Amino acid sequence: MSIPRDKIDKLVKELEQLDEKDAEQAVIVIEDFIRKKKNIKRTKPSDYRGALKHLNFSAEEESKKIRDEWKREWE
């Protein structure tokens, strides 16, 4: 199913008339509508909190390992 071009143009013209804050809110509403239509869940970082906890993962140690692997031009 495709939307007729004239309806899209009309929507864009209406969005262009809004100030930035209102246009931003309109985009959020449209994104939520599309997400509901496609049944896409919005992910939150808190959903993944603790996902690597059981692996004893340390972001600081892993970052240090990766940095140590970099080839630096001045060395």
Protein backbone atom coordinates (compact mmCIF):
# COMPACT_ATOMS: atom_id res chain seq x y z
CA MET A 1 0.00 0.00 0.00
CA SER A 2 1.42 3.36 -0.95
CA ILE A 3 0.29 6.82 0.06
CA PRO A 4 -0.70 9.18 -2.74
CA ARG A 5 1.93 11.84 -3.35
CA ASP A 6 -0.55 14.69 -2.81
CA LYS A 7 -1.31 13.49 0.74
CA ILE A 8 2.40 13.32 1.58
CA ASP A 9 2.93 16.81 0.12
CA LYS A 10 0.02 18.15 2.18
CA LEU A 11 1.45 16.62 5.37
CA VAL A 12 4.91 18.04 4.67
CA LYS A 13 3.47 21.52 4.06
CA GLU A 14 1.61 21.37 7.36
CA LEU A 15 4.77 20.28 9.18
CA GLU A 16 6.76 23.11 7.60
CA GLN A 17 4.31 25.65 9.05
CA LEU A 18 4.93 24.45 12.61
CA ASP A 19 7.62 25.91 14.80
CA GLU A 20 10.56 23.65 15.63
CA LYS A 21 9.24 22.42 18.96
CA ASP A 22 5.79 21.54 17.58
CA ALA A 23 7.31 19.87 14.52
CA GLU A 24 9.52 17.76 16.78
CA GLN A 25 6.45 16.65 18.76
CA ALA A 26 4.64 15.80 15.51
CA VAL A 27 7.56 13.64 14.38
CA ILE A 28 7.51 11.79 17.70
CA VAL A 29 3.79 11.12 17.30
CA ILE A 30 4.32 9.87 13.74
CA GLU A 31 7.22 7.63 14.82
CA ASP A 32 5.08 6.15 17.61
CA PHE A 33 2.25 5.55 15.14
CA ILE A 34 4.59 3.73 12.75
CA ARG A 35 6.10 1.72 15.60
CA LYS A 36 2.62 0.59 16.69
CA LYS A 37 1.65 -0.28 13.11
CA LYS A 38 4.80 -2.35 12.64
CA ASN A 39 4.58 -3.68 16.20
CA ILE A 40 8.11 -2.51 16.97
CA LYS A 41 8.98 -2.13 20.63
CA ARG A 42 11.07 0.86 21.66
CA THR A 43 14.17 -0.41 23.41
CA LYS A 44 15.52 1.21 26.50
CA PRO A 45 19.08 0.88 27.81
CA SER A 46 17.63 -0.28 31.12
CA ASP A 47 16.24 -3.36 29.33
CA TYR A 48 19.82 -4.54 28.81
CA ARG A 49 21.18 -3.62 32.21
CA GLY A 50 23.02 -6.55 33.65
CA ALA A 51 23.07 -8.50 30.39
CA LEU A 52 26.85 -8.98 30.67
CA LYS A 53 26.96 -9.06 34.46
CA HIS A 54 27.20 -12.85 34.63
CA LEU A 55 30.25 -12.74 32.32
CA ASN A 56 32.26 -10.59 34.76
CA PHE A 57 32.66 -8.07 31.93
CA SER A 58 34.64 -4.95 32.77
CA ALA A 59 34.25 -2.11 30.29
CA GLU A 60 37.37 -0.40 31.64
CA GLU A 61 39.57 -3.47 31.20
CA GLU A 62 38.20 -4.21 27.72
CA SER A 63 38.75 -0.58 26.68
CA LYS A 64 42.35 -0.76 27.89
CA LYS A 65 42.96 -3.98 25.92
CA ILE A 66 41.56 -2.42 22.76
CA ARG A 67 43.61 0.75 23.23
CA ASP A 68 46.76 -1.33 23.71
CA GLU A 69 46.10 -3.03 20.35
CA TRP A 70 45.99 0.26 18.43
CA LYS A 71 48.98 1.06 16.28
CA ARG A 72 49.94 4.62 16.99
CA GLU A 73 51.75 6.65 14.36
CA TRP A 74 54.02 8.36 16.88
CA GLU A 75 55.41 5.09 18.26
